[in-house]
Amino acid sequence: MLIAVSNQAMAQDKGKGIETVVFSVSMNCENCEKKIKDNIRFEKGVTRIKTDLKAQTVTITYKADKTTKEKLMLALEKLGHKPTE
């Protein structure tokens, strides 16, 4: 499975230390989507996760002082998705 990060898709709310990153993910079915949602939401600092099976995207909002984009990419990799930038 393929994950790509768009630099333009990243947003930051500097006042609150909240960041959002959008990953392009090759999800084949609803089970892939559910597996990502069910596991990534438990990553430290994740405040919100939204998946879109049709667009094959995962949008993650997280606390920048608790985690990083790189750590989230590693978490996705552990689920069987190979991240690429």
C-alpha atoms as a PDB file:
ATOM      1  CA  MET A   1       0.000   0.000   0.000  1.00  0.00           C
ATOM      2  CA  LEU A   2       1.214   3.484  -0.811  1.00  0.00           C
ATOM      3  CA  ILE A   3       1.214   6.601   1.340  1.00  0.00           C
ATOM      4  CA  ALA A   4       2.295  10.003   0.094  1.00  0.00           C
ATOM      5  CA  VAL A   5       2.422  13.241   2.025  1.00  0.00           C
ATOM      6  CA  SER A   6       1.500  16.521   0.425  1.00  0.00           C
ATOM      7  CA  ASN A   7       3.323  19.473   1.959  1.00  0.00           C
ATOM      8  CA  GLN A   8       0.454  21.718   0.904  1.00  0.00           C
ATOM      9  CA  ALA A   9      -1.957  19.452   2.743  1.00  0.00           C
ATOM     10  CA  MET A  10      -0.288  20.139   6.080  1.00  0.00           C
ATOM     11  CA  ALA A  11      -1.790  22.875   8.216  1.00  0.00           C
ATOM     12  CA  GLN A  12      -0.807  24.240  11.600  1.00  0.00           C
ATOM     13  CA  ASP A  13      -2.689  26.075  14.302  1.00  0.00           C
ATOM     14  CA  LYS A  14       0.272  27.762  16.018  1.00  0.00           C
ATOM     15  CA  GLY A  15      -1.767  29.077  18.914  1.00  0.00           C
ATOM     16  CA  LYS A  16      -2.737  25.608  20.101  1.00  0.00           C
ATOM     17  CA  GLY A  17       0.146  23.441  18.848  1.00  0.00           C
ATOM     18  CA  ILE A  18      -2.288  21.426  16.758  1.00  0.00           C
ATOM     19  CA  GLU A  19      -1.216  20.189  13.327  1.00  0.00           C
ATOM     20  CA  THR A  20      -3.033  18.370  10.557  1.00  0.00           C
ATOM     21  CA  VAL A  21      -1.477  16.145   7.932  1.00  0.00           C
ATOM     22  CA  VAL A  22      -3.139  14.468   4.961  1.00  0.00           C
ATOM     23  CA  PHE A  23      -1.742  11.161   3.731  1.00  0.00           C
ATOM     24  CA  SER A  24      -2.621   9.559   0.425  1.00  0.00           C
ATOM     25  CA  VAL A  25      -3.137   5.896   1.209  1.00  0.00           C
ATOM     26  CA  SER A  26      -3.936   2.983  -1.043  1.00  0.00           C
ATOM     27  CA  MET A  27      -6.949   1.488   0.741  1.00  0.00           C
ATOM     28  CA  ASN A  28      -8.582  -1.420  -1.050  1.00  0.00           C
ATOM     29  CA  CYS A  29     -11.652  -1.905   1.096  1.00  0.00           C
ATOM     30  CA  GLU A  30     -13.617  -0.799   4.139  1.00  0.00           C
ATOM     31  CA  ASN A  31     -11.575  -3.197   6.288  1.00  0.00           C
ATOM     32  CA  CYS A  32      -8.370  -1.303   5.411  1.00  0.00           C
ATOM     33  CA  GLU A  33     -10.083   1.950   6.303  1.00  0.00           C
ATOM     34  CA  LYS A  34     -11.396   0.527   9.605  1.00  0.00           C
ATOM     35  CA  LYS A  35      -7.995  -0.916  10.535  1.00  0.00           C
ATOM     36  CA  ILE A  36      -6.367   2.490  10.079  1.00  0.00           C
ATOM     37  CA  LYS A  37      -9.063   4.326  12.045  1.00  0.00           C
ATOM     38  CA  ASP A  38      -9.133   1.775  14.864  1.00  0.00           C
ATOM     39  CA  ASN A  39      -5.362   1.802  15.373  1.00  0.00           C
ATOM     40  CA  ILE A  40      -4.146   5.321  14.581  1.00  0.00           C
ATOM     41  CA  ARG A  41      -6.651   6.921  16.964  1.00  0.00           C
ATOM     42  CA  PHE A  42      -4.706   5.347  19.849  1.00  0.00           C
ATOM     43  CA  GLU A  43      -1.399   6.924  18.828  1.00  0.00           C
ATOM     44  CA  LYS A  44      -0.231   9.440  21.404  1.00  0.00           C
ATOM     45  CA  GLY A  45      -1.327  12.981  20.562  1.00  0.00           C
ATOM     46  CA  VAL A  46      -3.893  12.103  17.877  1.00  0.00           C
ATOM     47  CA  THR A  47      -6.993  14.221  18.397  1.00  0.00           C
ATOM     48  CA  ARG A  48      -8.900  13.419  15.205  1.00  0.00           C
ATOM     49  CA  ILE A  49      -8.685  11.053  12.268  1.00  0.00           C
ATOM     50  CA  LYS A  50     -10.762  11.116   9.118  1.00  0.00           C
ATOM     51  CA  THR A  51     -10.528   8.606   6.316  1.00  0.00           C
ATOM     52  CA  ASP A  52     -11.965   8.836   2.835  1.00  0.00           C
ATOM     53  CA  LEU A  53     -12.000   5.493   1.050  1.00  0.00           C
ATOM     54  CA  LYS A  54     -13.121   6.963  -2.259  1.00  0.00           C
ATOM     55  CA  ALA A  55     -10.369   9.628  -2.318  1.00  0.00           C
ATOM     56  CA  GLN A  56      -7.957   7.237  -0.549  1.00  0.00           C
ATOM     57  CA  THR A  57      -6.862   9.816   2.006  1.00  0.00           C
ATOM     58  CA  VAL A  58      -6.280   9.812   5.738  1.00  0.00           C
ATOM     59  CA  THR A  59      -6.407  13.164   7.527  1.00  0.00           C
ATOM     60  CA  ILE A  60      -4.875  13.174  11.005  1.00  0.00           C
ATOM     61  CA  THR A  61      -5.038  16.066  13.466  1.00  0.00           C
ATOM     62  CA  TYR A  62      -2.564  15.790  16.324  1.00  0.00           C
ATOM     63  CA  LYS A  63      -0.825  17.655  19.133  1.00  0.00           C
ATOM     64  CA  ALA A  64       2.622  18.643  17.891  1.00  0.00           C
ATOM     65  CA  ASP A  65       4.101  18.404  21.383  1.00  0.00           C
ATOM     66  CA  LYS A  66       2.993  14.737  21.662  1.00  0.00           C
ATOM     67  CA  THR A  67       3.853  13.261  18.258  1.00  0.00           C
ATOM     68  CA  THR A  68       5.212  14.029  14.797  1.00  0.00           C
ATOM     69  CA  LYS A  69       4.293  13.380  11.184  1.00  0.00           C
ATOM     70  CA  GLU A  70       7.165  10.879  11.040  1.00  0.00           C
ATOM     71  CA  LYS A  71       5.840   8.909  14.021  1.00  0.00           C
ATOM     72  CA  LEU A  72       2.403   8.771  12.437  1.00  0.00           C
ATOM     73  CA  MET A  73       3.944   7.523   9.210  1.00  0.00           C
ATOM     74  CA  LEU A  74       5.728   4.765  11.171  1.00  0.00           C
ATOM     75  CA  ALA A  75       2.442   3.814  12.824  1.00  0.00           C
ATOM     76  CA  LEU A  76       0.828   3.449   9.402  1.00  0.00           C
ATOM     77  CA  GLU A  77       3.785   1.384   8.238  1.00  0.00           C
ATOM     78  CA  LYS A  78       3.302  -0.992  11.183  1.00  0.00           C
ATOM     79  CA  LEU A  79      -0.239  -1.544   9.935  1.00  0.00           C
ATOM     80  CA  GLY A  80       1.113  -2.755   6.592  1.00  0.00           C
ATOM     81  CA  HIS A  81       1.068   0.521   4.689  1.00  0.00           C
ATOM     82  CA  LYS A  82       4.398   1.600   3.234  1.00  0.00           C
ATOM     83  CA  PRO A  83       4.778   5.376   3.520  1.00  0.00           C
ATOM     84  CA  THR A  84       6.451   7.360   0.762  1.00  0.00           C
ATOM     85  CA  GLU A  85       6.951  11.080   0.398  1.00  0.00           C
END
